[in-house]
């Protein structure tokens, strides 16, 4: 059973345990995924697993749908929520307000799990 399972806007984010940032008005928060997390395609699933030192702090696996994987890939390099929003609007047929809310929730979820460095 997932520890967390939620549909957030256009993405699905699941965290499976093995052992038990928002868009600000100034908009210049630079962030990226912490080192040690690897995105992999396994059959029909896109998963993220910790490796090396990251596996000491994060004992789980993350499953993402296509939109979650798209956002994750953007966060593999330093980026801002504004850049993520621009890329999402180019890639998906979604209005700006919906995309912005989805990105804010995705960032908040990753931040809450300690997966982002700013």
PDB file of N, CA and C in Angstrom:
ATOM      1  N   UNK A   1       0.840  -1.187   0.000  1.00  0.00           N
ATOM      2  CA  UNK A   1       0.000   0.000   0.000  1.00  0.00           C
ATOM      3  C   UNK A   1       0.885   1.250   0.000  1.00  0.00           C
ATOM      4  N   UNK A   2       0.484   2.258  -0.753  1.00  0.00           N
ATOM      5  CA  UNK A   2       1.266   3.491  -0.761  1.00  0.00           C
ATOM      6  C   UNK A   2       1.218   4.205   0.577  1.00  0.00           C
ATOM      7  N   UNK A   3       2.326   4.819   0.937  1.00  0.00           N
ATOM      8  CA  UNK A   3       2.357   5.679   2.111  1.00  0.00           C
ATOM      9  C   UNK A   3       1.547   6.941   1.815  1.00  0.00           C
ATOM     10  N   UNK A   4       1.770   7.498   0.644  1.00  0.00           N
ATOM     11  CA  UNK A   4       1.020   8.660   0.173  1.00  0.00           C
ATOM     12  C   UNK A   4       0.497   8.319  -1.208  1.00  0.00           C
ATOM     13  N   UNK A   5      -0.735   8.601  -1.488  1.00  0.00           N
ATOM     14  CA  UNK A   5      -1.266   8.434  -2.835  1.00  0.00           C
ATOM     15  C   UNK A   5      -2.241   9.564  -3.077  1.00  0.00           C
ATOM     16  N   UNK A   6      -1.975  10.368  -4.067  1.00  0.00           N
ATOM     17  CA  UNK A   6      -2.854  11.498  -4.306  1.00  0.00           C
ATOM     18  C   UNK A   6      -2.806  11.909  -5.764  1.00  0.00           C
ATOM     19  N   UNK A   7      -3.929  12.306  -6.281  1.00  0.00           N
ATOM     20  CA  UNK A   7      -3.977  12.941  -7.591  1.00  0.00           C
ATOM     21  C   UNK A   7      -3.864  14.416  -7.333  1.00  0.00           C
ATOM     22  N   UNK A   8      -2.867  15.037  -7.908  1.00  0.00           N
ATOM     23  CA  UNK A   8      -2.635  16.463  -7.724  1.00  0.00           C
ATOM     24  C   UNK A   8      -2.611  17.106  -9.098  1.00  0.00           C
ATOM     25  N   UNK A   9      -3.692  17.740  -9.470  1.00  0.00           N
ATOM     26  CA  UNK A   9      -3.743  18.391 -10.770  1.00  0.00           C
ATOM     27  C   UNK A   9      -3.592  17.360 -11.873  1.00  0.00           C
ATOM     28  N   UNK A  10      -2.552  17.481 -12.655  1.00  0.00           N
ATOM     29  CA  UNK A  10      -2.335  16.630 -13.802  1.00  0.00           C
ATOM     30  C   UNK A  10      -1.356  15.504 -13.535  1.00  0.00           C
ATOM     31  N   UNK A  11      -0.967  15.252 -12.315  1.00  0.00           N
ATOM     32  CA  UNK A  11       0.016  14.220 -12.063  1.00  0.00           C
ATOM     33  C   UNK A  11      -0.416  13.309 -10.928  1.00  0.00           C
ATOM     34  N   UNK A  12       0.143  12.144 -10.923  1.00  0.00           N
ATOM     35  CA  UNK A  12      -0.085  11.186  -9.844  1.00  0.00           C
ATOM     36  C   UNK A  12       1.254  10.957  -9.175  1.00  0.00           C
ATOM     37  N   UNK A  13       1.301  11.058  -7.868  1.00  0.00           N
ATOM     38  CA  UNK A  13       2.540  10.954  -7.115  1.00  0.00           C
ATOM     39  C   UNK A  13       2.314   9.925  -6.029  1.00  0.00           C
ATOM     40  N   UNK A  14       3.031   8.813  -6.064  1.00  0.00           N
ATOM     41  CA  UNK A  14       2.891   7.765  -5.061  1.00  0.00           C
ATOM     42  C   UNK A  14       4.239   7.509  -4.413  1.00  0.00           C
ATOM     43  N   UNK A  15       4.262   7.331  -3.126  1.00  0.00           N
ATOM     44  CA  UNK A  15       5.483   6.944  -2.430  1.00  0.00           C
ATOM     45  C   UNK A  15       5.213   5.622  -1.730  1.00  0.00           C
ATOM     46  N   UNK A  16       6.015   4.618  -2.057  1.00  0.00           N
ATOM     47  CA  UNK A  16       5.892   3.310  -1.440  1.00  0.00           C
ATOM     48  C   UNK A  16       7.022   3.133  -0.429  1.00  0.00           C
ATOM     49  N   UNK A  17       6.703   2.909   0.829  1.00  0.00           N
ATOM     50  CA  UNK A  17       7.762   2.722   1.822  1.00  0.00           C
ATOM     51  C   UNK A  17       8.334   1.309   1.772  1.00  0.00           C
ATOM     52  N   UNK A  18       9.611   1.194   2.032  1.00  0.00           N
ATOM     53  CA  UNK A  18      10.218  -0.122   2.219  1.00  0.00           C
ATOM     54  C   UNK A  18      10.267  -0.435   3.707  1.00  0.00           C
ATOM     55  N   UNK A  19      10.506   0.578   4.527  1.00  0.00           N
ATOM     56  CA  UNK A  19      10.574   0.430   5.984  1.00  0.00           C
ATOM     57  C   UNK A  19       9.607   1.375   6.676  1.00  0.00           C
ATOM     58  N   UNK A  20       8.568   0.810   6.660  1.00  0.00           N
ATOM     59  CA  UNK A  20       7.645   1.671   7.308  1.00  0.00           C
ATOM     60  C   UNK A  20       7.630   3.136   6.594  1.00  0.00           C
ATOM     61  N   UNK A  21       8.182  24.328  -1.436  1.00  0.00           N
ATOM     62  CA  UNK A  21       8.388  25.494  -2.347  1.00  0.00           C
ATOM     63  C   UNK A  21       7.144  25.972  -3.092  1.00  0.00           C
ATOM     64  N   UNK A  22       6.698  26.606  -3.055  1.00  0.00           N
ATOM     65  CA  UNK A  22       5.568  27.168  -3.827  1.00  0.00           C
ATOM     66  C   UNK A  22       6.056  28.252  -4.800  1.00  0.00           C
ATOM     67  N   UNK A  23       5.202  28.615  -5.760  1.00  0.00           N
ATOM     68  CA  UNK A  23       5.544  29.696  -6.683  1.00  0.00           C
ATOM     69  C   UNK A  23       5.269  31.018  -5.976  1.00  0.00           C
ATOM     70  N   UNK A  24       6.315  31.746  -5.659  1.00  0.00           N
ATOM     71  CA  UNK A  24       6.180  33.011  -4.956  1.00  0.00           C
ATOM     72  C   UNK A  24       5.918  34.160  -5.909  1.00  0.00           C
ATOM     73  N   UNK A  25       5.483  35.292  -5.369  1.00  0.00           N
ATOM     74  CA  UNK A  25       5.221  36.466  -6.196  1.00  0.00           C
ATOM     75  C   UNK A  25       6.500  36.966  -6.847  1.00  0.00           C
ATOM     76  N   UNK A  26       7.640  36.850  -6.143  1.00  0.00           N
ATOM     77  CA  UNK A  26       8.900  37.262  -6.751  1.00  0.00           C
ATOM     78  C   UNK A  26       9.337  36.256  -7.808  1.00  0.00           C
ATOM     79  N   UNK A  27       8.985  34.988  -7.615  1.00  0.00           N
ATOM     80  CA  UNK A  27       9.171  33.965  -8.617  1.00  0.00           C
ATOM     81  C   UNK A  27      10.590  33.597  -8.983  1.00  0.00           C
ATOM     82  N   UNK A  28      11.558  33.827  -8.132  1.00  0.00           N
ATOM     83  CA  UNK A  28      12.929  33.523  -8.497  1.00  0.00           C
ATOM     84  C   UNK A  28      13.545  32.406  -7.669  1.00  0.00           C
ATOM     85  N   UNK A  29      12.750  31.528  -7.126  1.00  0.00           N
ATOM     86  CA  UNK A  29      13.266  30.391  -6.364  1.00  0.00           C
ATOM     87  C   UNK A  29      13.881  29.383  -7.326  1.00  0.00           C
ATOM     88  N   UNK A  30      15.175  29.171  -7.206  1.00  0.00           N
ATOM     89  CA  UNK A  30      15.850  28.177  -8.036  1.00  0.00           C
ATOM     90  C   UNK A  30      15.939  26.898  -7.227  1.00  0.00           C
ATOM     91  N   UNK A  31      15.555  25.790  -7.837  1.00  0.00           N
ATOM     92  CA  UNK A  31      15.532  24.518  -7.131  1.00  0.00           C
ATOM     93  C   UNK A  31      15.878  23.399  -8.085  1.00  0.00           C
ATOM     94  N   UNK A  32      16.227  22.254  -7.510  1.00  0.00           N
ATOM     95  CA  UNK A  32      16.463  21.045  -8.290  1.00  0.00           C
ATOM     96  C   UNK A  32      16.304  19.837  -7.381  1.00  0.00           C
ATOM     97  N   UNK A  33      16.172  18.684  -8.005  1.00  0.00           N
ATOM     98  CA  UNK A  33      16.092  17.432  -7.266  1.00  0.00           C
ATOM     99  C   UNK A  33      17.443  17.186  -6.603  1.00  0.00           C
ATOM    100  N   UNK A  34      17.416  16.729  -5.359  1.00  0.00           N
ATOM    101  CA  UNK A  34      18.660  16.396  -4.665  1.00  0.00           C
ATOM    102  C   UNK A  34      19.393  15.274  -5.389  1.00  0.00           C
ATOM    103  N   UNK A  35      20.695  15.269  -5.252  1.00  0.00           N
ATOM    104  CA  UNK A  35      21.517  14.206  -5.831  1.00  0.00           C
ATOM    105  C   UNK A  35      21.121  12.863  -5.225  1.00  0.00           C
ATOM    106  N   UNK A  36      21.239  11.820  -6.019  1.00  0.00           N
ATOM    107  CA  UNK A  36      21.015  10.478  -5.501  1.00  0.00           C
ATOM    108  C   UNK A  36      19.645   9.902  -5.788  1.00  0.00           C
ATOM    109  N   UNK A  37      18.850  10.561  -6.622  1.00  0.00           N
ATOM    110  CA  UNK A  37      17.545  10.016  -6.999  1.00  0.00           C
ATOM    111  C   UNK A  37      17.552   9.765  -8.495  1.00  0.00           C
ATOM    112  N   UNK A  38      17.161   8.548  -8.882  1.00  0.00           N
ATOM    113  CA  UNK A  38      17.264   8.119 -10.266  1.00  0.00           C
ATOM    114  C   UNK A  38      15.874   7.823 -10.823  1.00  0.00           C
ATOM    115  N   UNK A  39      15.545   8.449 -11.956  1.00  0.00           N
ATOM    116  CA  UNK A  39      14.275   8.231 -12.640  1.00  0.00           C
ATOM    117  C   UNK A  39      14.457   7.061 -13.611  1.00  0.00           C
ATOM    118  N   UNK A  40      13.569   6.075 -13.538  1.00  0.00           N
ATOM    119  CA  UNK A  40      13.660   4.887 -14.383  1.00  0.00           C
ATOM    120  C   UNK A  40      12.284   4.530 -14.950  1.00  0.00           C
ATOM    121  N   UNK A  41      12.286   3.972 -16.142  1.00  0.00           N
ATOM    122  CA  UNK A  41      11.076   3.425 -16.747  1.00  0.00           C
ATOM    123  C   UNK A  41      11.120   1.914 -16.543  1.00  0.00           C
ATOM    124  N   UNK A  42      10.135   1.352 -15.858  1.00  0.00           N
ATOM    125  CA  UNK A  42      10.047  -0.084 -15.617  1.00  0.00           C
ATOM    126  C   UNK A  42       8.682  -0.540 -16.100  1.00  0.00           C
ATOM    127  N   UNK A  43       8.690  -1.286 -17.200  1.00  0.00           N
ATOM    128  CA  UNK A  43       7.450  -1.709 -17.857  1.00  0.00           C
ATOM    129  C   UNK A  43       6.615  -0.466 -18.173  1.00  0.00           C
ATOM    130  N   UNK A  44       5.409  -0.377 -17.653  1.00  0.00           N
ATOM    131  CA  UNK A  44       4.544   0.773 -17.923  1.00  0.00           C
ATOM    132  C   UNK A  44       4.646   1.852 -16.853  1.00  0.00           C
ATOM    133  N   UNK A  45       5.533   1.676 -15.897  1.00  0.00           N
ATOM    134  CA  UNK A  45       5.627   2.612 -14.772  1.00  0.00           C
ATOM    135  C   UNK A  45       6.903   3.440 -14.849  1.00  0.00           C
ATOM    136  N   UNK A  46       6.790   4.693 -14.438  1.00  0.00           N
ATOM    137  CA  UNK A  46       7.953   5.559 -14.263  1.00  0.00           C
ATOM    138  C   UNK A  46       8.190   5.662 -12.771  1.00  0.00           C
ATOM    139  N   UNK A  47       9.369   5.236 -12.334  1.00  0.00           N
ATOM    140  CA  UNK A  47       9.661   5.233 -10.906  1.00  0.00           C
ATOM    141  C   UNK A  47      10.918   6.041 -10.622  1.00  0.00           C
ATOM    142  N   UNK A  48      11.015   6.498  -9.395  1.00  0.00           N
ATOM    143  CA  UNK A  48      12.206   7.171  -8.889  1.00  0.00           C
ATOM    144  C   UNK A  48      12.658   6.376  -7.680  1.00  0.00           C
ATOM    145  N   UNK A  49      13.945   6.029  -7.665  1.00  0.00           N
ATOM    146  CA  UNK A  49      14.499   5.299  -6.539  1.00  0.00           C
ATOM    147  C   UNK A  49      15.718   6.041  -6.012  1.00  0.00           C
ATOM    148  N   UNK A  50      15.941   5.973  -4.714  1.00  0.00           N
ATOM    149  CA  UNK A  50      17.144   6.582  -4.161  1.00  0.00           C
ATOM    150  C   UNK A  50      18.348   5.691  -4.413  1.00  0.00           C
ATOM    151  N   UNK A  51      19.508   6.309  -4.538  1.00  0.00           N
ATOM    152  CA  UNK A  51      20.734   5.532  -4.686  1.00  0.00           C
ATOM    153  C   UNK A  51      21.816   6.166  -3.820  1.00  0.00           C
ATOM    154  N   UNK A  52      22.823   5.386  -3.500  1.00  0.00           N
ATOM    155  CA  UNK A  52      23.925   5.893  -2.700  1.00  0.00           C
ATOM    156  C   UNK A  52      23.455   6.429  -1.359  1.00  0.00           C
ATOM    157  N   UNK A  53      23.994   7.587  -0.979  1.00  0.00           N
ATOM    158  CA  UNK A  53      23.672   8.194   0.319  1.00  0.00           C
ATOM    159  C   UNK A  53      22.190   8.535   0.453  1.00  0.00           C
ATOM    160  N   UNK A  54      21.527   8.848  -0.657  1.00  0.00           N
ATOM    161  CA  UNK A  54      20.102   9.185  -0.603  1.00  0.00           C
ATOM    162  C   UNK A  54      19.270   8.039  -0.059  1.00  0.00           C
ATOM    163  N   UNK A  55      19.711   6.803  -0.300  1.00  0.00           N
ATOM    164  CA  UNK A  55      18.943   5.652   0.180  1.00  0.00           C
ATOM    165  C   UNK A  55      19.007   5.501   1.699  1.00  0.00           C
ATOM    166  N   UNK A  56      19.963   6.173   2.342  1.00  0.00           N
ATOM    167  CA  UNK A  56      20.030   6.140   3.802  1.00  0.00           C
ATOM    168  C   UNK A  56      18.938   7.003   4.427  1.00  0.00           C
ATOM    169  N   UNK A  57      18.570   8.093   3.737  1.00  0.00           N
ATOM    170  CA  UNK A  57      17.567   9.022   4.256  1.00  0.00           C
ATOM    171  C   UNK A  57      16.167   8.775   3.706  1.00  0.00           C
ATOM    172  N   UNK A  58      16.074   8.154   2.554  1.00  0.00           N
ATOM    173  CA  UNK A  58      14.780   7.944   1.900  1.00  0.00           C
ATOM    174  C   UNK A  58      14.641   6.475   1.556  1.00  0.00           C
ATOM    175  N   UNK A  59      13.883   5.756   2.360  1.00  0.00           N
ATOM    176  CA  UNK A  59      13.681   4.325   2.142  1.00  0.00           C
ATOM    177  C   UNK A  59      12.352   4.099   1.458  1.00  0.00           C
ATOM    178  N   UNK A  60      12.304   4.352   0.175  1.00  0.00           N
ATOM    179  CA  UNK A  60      11.056   4.181  -0.544  1.00  0.00           C
ATOM    180  C   UNK A  60      11.262   4.242  -2.028  1.00  0.00           C
ATOM    181  N   UNK A  61      10.148   4.287  -2.739  1.00  0.00           N
ATOM    182  CA  UNK A  61      10.135   4.371  -4.185  1.00  0.00           C
ATOM    183  C   UNK A  61       9.014   5.326  -4.554  1.00  0.00           C
ATOM    184  N   UNK A  62       9.215   6.130  -5.556  1.00  0.00           N
ATOM    185  CA  UNK A  62       8.208   7.081  -6.014  1.00  0.00           C
ATOM    186  C   UNK A  62       7.735   6.633  -7.386  1.00  0.00           C
ATOM    187  N   UNK A  63       6.445   6.595  -7.601  1.00  0.00           N
ATOM    188  CA  UNK A  63       5.868   6.290  -8.901  1.00  0.00           C
ATOM    189  C   UNK A  63       5.221   7.558  -9.439  1.00  0.00           C
ATOM    190  N   UNK A  64       5.559   7.912 -10.679  1.00  0.00           N
ATOM    191  CA  UNK A  64       5.025   9.120 -11.307  1.00  0.00           C
ATOM    192  C   UNK A  64       4.287   8.758 -12.592  1.00  0.00           C
ATOM    193  N   UNK A  65       3.247   9.512 -12.914  1.00  0.00           N
ATOM    194  CA  UNK A  65       2.642   9.358 -14.227  1.00  0.00           C
ATOM    195  C   UNK A  65       3.415  10.243 -15.204  1.00  0.00           C
ATOM    196  N   UNK A  66       2.953  10.349 -16.436  1.00  0.00           N
ATOM    197  CA  UNK A  66       3.696  11.078 -17.461  1.00  0.00           C
ATOM    198  C   UNK A  66       3.942  12.541 -17.105  1.00  0.00           C
ATOM    199  N   UNK A  67       2.948  13.208 -16.553  1.00  0.00           N
ATOM    200  CA  UNK A  67       3.111  14.616 -16.207  1.00  0.00           C
ATOM    201  C   UNK A  67       4.059  14.787 -15.026  1.00  0.00           C
ATOM    202  N   UNK A  68       3.947  13.919 -14.037  1.00  0.00           N
ATOM    203  CA  UNK A  68       4.873  13.961 -12.915  1.00  0.00           C
ATOM    204  C   UNK A  68       6.304  13.712 -13.370  1.00  0.00           C
ATOM    205  N   UNK A  69       6.484  12.764 -14.299  1.00  0.00           N
ATOM    206  CA  UNK A  69       7.822  12.488 -14.837  1.00  0.00           C
ATOM    207  C   UNK A  69       8.351  13.687 -15.622  1.00  0.00           C
ATOM    208  N   UNK A  70       7.485  14.364 -16.360  1.00  0.00           N
ATOM    209  CA  UNK A  70       7.881  15.557 -17.102  1.00  0.00           C
ATOM    210  C   UNK A  70       8.393  16.636 -16.144  1.00  0.00           C
ATOM    211  N   UNK A  71       7.651  16.876 -15.069  1.00  0.00           N
ATOM    212  CA  UNK A  71       8.059  17.882 -14.084  1.00  0.00           C
ATOM    213  C   UNK A  71       9.343  17.455 -13.375  1.00  0.00           C
ATOM    214  N   UNK A  72       9.458  16.174 -13.053  1.00  0.00           N
ATOM    215  CA  UNK A  72      10.669  15.662 -12.401  1.00  0.00           C
ATOM    216  C   UNK A  72      11.891  15.928 -13.276  1.00  0.00           C
ATOM    217  N   UNK A  73      11.770  15.626 -14.569  1.00  0.00           N
ATOM    218  CA  UNK A  73      12.890  15.829 -15.495  1.00  0.00           C
ATOM    219  C   UNK A  73      13.312  17.295 -15.537  1.00  0.00           C
ATOM    220  N   UNK A  74      12.342  18.200 -15.478  1.00  0.00           N
ATOM    221  CA  UNK A  74      12.675  19.626 -15.451  1.00  0.00           C
ATOM    222  C   UNK A  74      13.478  19.964 -14.197  1.00  0.00           C
ATOM    223  N   UNK A  75      13.157  19.302 -13.094  1.00  0.00           N
ATOM    224  CA  UNK A  75      13.819  19.567 -11.817  1.00  0.00           C
ATOM    225  C   UNK A  75      15.158  18.845 -11.664  1.00  0.00           C
ATOM    226  N   UNK A  76      15.548  18.048 -12.626  1.00  0.00           N
ATOM    227  CA  UNK A  76      16.851  17.393 -12.552  1.00  0.00           C
ATOM    228  C   UNK A  76      17.986  18.395 -12.744  1.00  0.00           C
ATOM    229  N   UNK A  77      17.692  19.532 -13.355  1.00  0.00           N
ATOM    230  CA  UNK A  77      18.640  20.641 -13.503  1.00  0.00           C
ATOM    231  C   UNK A  77      18.068  21.830 -12.757  1.00  0.00           C
ATOM    232  N   UNK A  78      18.918  22.742 -12.288  1.00  0.00           N
ATOM    233  CA  UNK A  78      18.394  23.917 -11.598  1.00  0.00           C
ATOM    234  C   UNK A  78      17.362  24.658 -12.467  1.00  0.00           C
ATOM    235  N   UNK A  79      16.228  24.956 -11.891  1.00  0.00           N
ATOM    236  CA  UNK A  79      15.151  25.623 -12.613  1.00  0.00           C
ATOM    237  C   UNK A  79      14.329  26.444 -11.643  1.00  0.00           C
ATOM    238  N   UNK A  80      13.398  27.187 -12.174  1.00  0.00           N
ATOM    239  CA  UNK A  80      12.470  27.972 -11.362  1.00  0.00           C
ATOM    240  C   UNK A  80      11.045  27.520 -11.670  1.00  0.00           C
ATOM    241  N   UNK A  81      10.119  27.792 -10.776  1.00  0.00           N
ATOM    242  CA  UNK A  81       8.725  27.469 -11.067  1.00  0.00           C
ATOM    243  C   UNK A  81       8.232  28.154 -12.342  1.00  0.00           C
ATOM    244  N   UNK A  82       8.719  29.352 -12.626  1.00  0.00           N
ATOM    245  CA  UNK A  82       8.296  30.073 -13.826  1.00  0.00           C
ATOM    246  C   UNK A  82       8.738  29.344 -15.086  1.00  0.00           C
ATOM    247  N   UNK A  83       9.967  28.823 -15.075  1.00  0.00           N
ATOM    248  CA  UNK A  83      10.450  28.055 -16.230  1.00  0.00           C
ATOM    249  C   UNK A  83       9.658  26.763 -16.374  1.00  0.00           C
ATOM    250  N   UNK A  84       9.356  26.134 -15.256  1.00  0.00           N
ATOM    251  CA  UNK A  84       8.556  24.908 -15.291  1.00  0.00           C
ATOM    252  C   UNK A  84       7.175  25.187 -15.881  1.00  0.00           C
ATOM    253  N   UNK A  85       6.579  26.302 -15.473  1.00  0.00           N
ATOM    254  CA  UNK A  85       5.267  26.682 -15.978  1.00  0.00           C
ATOM    255  C   UNK A  85       5.324  26.904 -17.487  1.00  0.00           C
ATOM    256  N   UNK A  86       6.321  27.626 -17.957  1.00  0.00           N
ATOM    257  CA  UNK A  86       6.453  27.885 -19.392  1.00  0.00           C
ATOM    258  C   UNK A  86       6.594  26.584 -20.178  1.00  0.00           C
ATOM    259  N   UNK A  87       7.409  25.654 -19.664  1.00  0.00           N
ATOM    260  CA  UNK A  87       7.605  24.370 -20.346  1.00  0.00           C
ATOM    261  C   UNK A  87       6.335  23.526 -20.322  1.00  0.00           C
ATOM    262  N   UNK A  88       5.622  23.554 -19.204  1.00  0.00           N
ATOM    263  CA  UNK A  88       4.390  22.774 -19.099  1.00  0.00           C
ATOM    264  C   UNK A  88       3.329  23.304 -20.069  1.00  0.00           C
ATOM    265  N   UNK A  89       3.240  24.625 -20.201  1.00  0.00           N
ATOM    266  CA  UNK A  89       2.267  25.214 -21.122  1.00  0.00           C
ATOM    267  C   UNK A  89       2.605  24.891 -22.575  1.00  0.00           C
ATOM    268  N   UNK A  90       3.901  24.750 -22.891  1.00  0.00           N
ATOM    269  CA  UNK A  90       4.303  24.354 -24.246  1.00  0.00           C
ATOM    270  C   UNK A  90       3.972  22.888 -24.523  1.00  0.00           C
ATOM    271  N   UNK A  91       4.119  22.053 -23.495  1.00  0.00           N
ATOM    272  CA  UNK A  91       3.990  20.604 -23.666  1.00  0.00           C
ATOM    273  C   UNK A  91       2.551  20.094 -23.584  1.00  0.00           C
ATOM    274  N   UNK A  92       1.731  20.717 -22.723  1.00  0.00           N
ATOM    275  CA  UNK A  92       0.390  20.205 -22.450  1.00  0.00           C
ATOM    276  C   UNK A  92      -0.678  21.228 -22.805  1.00  0.00           C
ATOM    277  N   UNK A  93      -1.838  20.716 -23.154  1.00  0.00           N
ATOM    278  CA  UNK A  93      -2.998  21.556 -23.429  1.00  0.00           C
ATOM    279  C   UNK A  93      -3.708  21.812 -22.098  1.00  0.00           C
ATOM    280  N   UNK A  94      -3.212  22.807 -21.372  1.00  0.00           N
ATOM    281  CA  UNK A  94      -3.716  23.123 -20.040  1.00  0.00           C
ATOM    282  C   UNK A  94      -3.675  24.631 -19.870  1.00  0.00           C
ATOM    283  N   UNK A  95      -4.651  25.180 -19.141  1.00  0.00           N
ATOM    284  CA  UNK A  95      -4.634  26.618 -18.911  1.00  0.00           C
ATOM    285  C   UNK A  95      -3.597  26.961 -17.848  1.00  0.00           C
ATOM    286  N   UNK A  96      -3.149  28.192 -17.849  1.00  0.00           N
ATOM    287  CA  UNK A  96      -2.066  28.627 -16.976  1.00  0.00           C
ATOM    288  C   UNK A  96      -2.372  28.441 -15.498  1.00  0.00           C
ATOM    289  N   UNK A  97      -3.584  28.783 -15.086  1.00  0.00           N
ATOM    290  CA  UNK A  97      -3.939  28.684 -13.663  1.00  0.00           C
ATOM    291  C   UNK A  97      -3.891  27.228 -13.182  1.00  0.00           C
ATOM    292  N   UNK A  98      -4.407  26.305 -13.986  1.00  0.00           N
ATOM    293  CA  UNK A  98      -4.397  24.890 -13.617  1.00  0.00           C
ATOM    294  C   UNK A  98      -2.971  24.363 -13.560  1.00  0.00           C
ATOM    295  N   UNK A  99      -2.164  24.722 -14.558  1.00  0.00           N
ATOM    296  CA  UNK A  99      -0.766  24.279 -14.584  1.00  0.00           C
ATOM    297  C   UNK A  99      -0.007  24.824 -13.378  1.00  0.00           C
ATOM    298  N   UNK A 100      -0.223  26.085 -13.056  1.00  0.00           N
ATOM    299  CA  UNK A 100       0.476  26.711 -11.931  1.00  0.00           C
ATOM    300  C   UNK A 100       0.123  26.018 -10.621  1.00  0.00           C
ATOM    301  N   UNK A 101      -1.167  25.723 -10.419  1.00  0.00           N
ATOM    302  CA  UNK A 101      -1.593  25.016  -9.202  1.00  0.00           C
ATOM    303  C   UNK A 101      -0.956  23.634  -9.123  1.00  0.00           C
ATOM    304  N   UNK A 102      -0.920  22.910 -10.242  1.00  0.00           N
ATOM    305  CA  UNK A 102      -0.317  21.581 -10.258  1.00  0.00           C
ATOM    306  C   UNK A 102       1.167  21.623  -9.934  1.00  0.00           C
ATOM    307  N   UNK A 103       1.876  22.603 -10.491  1.00  0.00           N
ATOM    308  CA  UNK A 103       3.303  22.753 -10.227  1.00  0.00           C
ATOM    309  C   UNK A 103       3.532  23.108  -8.767  1.00  0.00           C
ATOM    310  N   UNK A 104       2.733  24.016  -8.228  1.00  0.00           N
ATOM    311  CA  UNK A 104       2.870  24.389  -6.818  1.00  0.00           C
ATOM    312  C   UNK A 104       2.698  23.177  -5.919  1.00  0.00           C
ATOM    313  N   UNK A 105       1.702  22.343  -6.197  1.00  0.00           N
ATOM    314  CA  UNK A 105       1.454  21.159  -5.379  1.00  0.00           C
ATOM    315  C   UNK A 105       2.582  20.134  -5.532  1.00  0.00           C
ATOM    316  N   UNK A 106       3.060  19.964  -6.753  1.00  0.00           N
ATOM    317  CA  UNK A 106       4.147  19.021  -7.001  1.00  0.00           C
ATOM    318  C   UNK A 106       5.396  19.453  -6.242  1.00  0.00           C
ATOM    319  N   UNK A 107       5.746  20.727  -6.333  1.00  0.00           N
ATOM    320  CA  UNK A 107       6.908  21.262  -5.621  1.00  0.00           C
ATOM    321  C   UNK A 107       6.721  21.109  -4.113  1.00  0.00           C
ATOM    322  N   UNK A 108       5.536  21.420  -3.612  1.00  0.00           N
ATOM    323  CA  UNK A 108       5.271  21.298  -2.176  1.00  0.00           C
ATOM    324  C   UNK A 108       5.422  19.850  -1.719  1.00  0.00           C
ATOM    325  N   UNK A 109       4.944  18.913  -2.524  1.00  0.00           N
ATOM    326  CA  UNK A 109       5.044  17.492  -2.167  1.00  0.00           C
ATOM    327  C   UNK A 109       6.508  17.056  -2.134  1.00  0.00           C
ATOM    328  N   UNK A 110       7.270  17.411  -3.168  1.00  0.00           N
ATOM    329  CA  UNK A 110       8.685  17.046  -3.200  1.00  0.00           C
ATOM    330  C   UNK A 110       9.444  17.693  -2.056  1.00  0.00           C
ATOM    331  N   UNK A 111       9.155  18.954  -1.801  1.00  0.00           N
ATOM    332  CA  UNK A 111       9.806  19.670  -0.710  1.00  0.00           C
ATOM    333  C   UNK A 111       9.477  19.033   0.625  1.00  0.00           C
ATOM    334  N   UNK A 112       8.216  18.686   0.821  1.00  0.00           N
ATOM    335  CA  UNK A 112       7.795  18.052   2.068  1.00  0.00           C
ATOM    336  C   UNK A 112       8.467  16.713   2.312  1.00  0.00           C
ATOM    337  N   UNK A 113       8.827  16.026   1.240  1.00  0.00           N
ATOM    338  CA  UNK A 113       9.512  14.738   1.350  1.00  0.00           C
ATOM    339  C   UNK A 113      11.030  14.907   1.414  1.00  0.00           C
ATOM    340  N   UNK A 114      11.504  16.173   1.347  1.00  0.00           N
ATOM    341  CA  UNK A 114      12.938  16.443   1.430  1.00  0.00           C
ATOM    342  C   UNK A 114      13.709  16.093   0.175  1.00  0.00           C
ATOM    343  N   UNK A 115      13.041  16.159  -0.983  1.00  0.00           N
ATOM    344  CA  UNK A 115      13.673  15.760  -2.242  1.00  0.00           C
ATOM    345  C   UNK A 115      14.233  16.924  -3.056  1.00  0.00           C
ATOM    346  N   UNK A 116      13.994  18.165  -2.601  1.00  0.00           N
ATOM    347  CA  UNK A 116      14.464  19.331  -3.348  1.00  0.00           C
ATOM    348  C   UNK A 116      15.581  20.048  -2.613  1.00  0.00           C
ATOM    349  N   UNK A 117      16.485  20.617  -3.377  1.00  0.00           N
ATOM    350  CA  UNK A 117      17.466  21.542  -2.811  1.00  0.00           C
ATOM    351  C   UNK A 117      17.254  22.882  -3.494  1.00  0.00           C
ATOM    352  N   UNK A 118      17.284  23.939  -2.692  1.00  0.00           N
ATOM    353  CA  UNK A 118      17.058  25.272  -3.240  1.00  0.00           C
ATOM    354  C   UNK A 118      18.311  26.099  -3.115  1.00  0.00           C
TER     355      UNK A 118
END
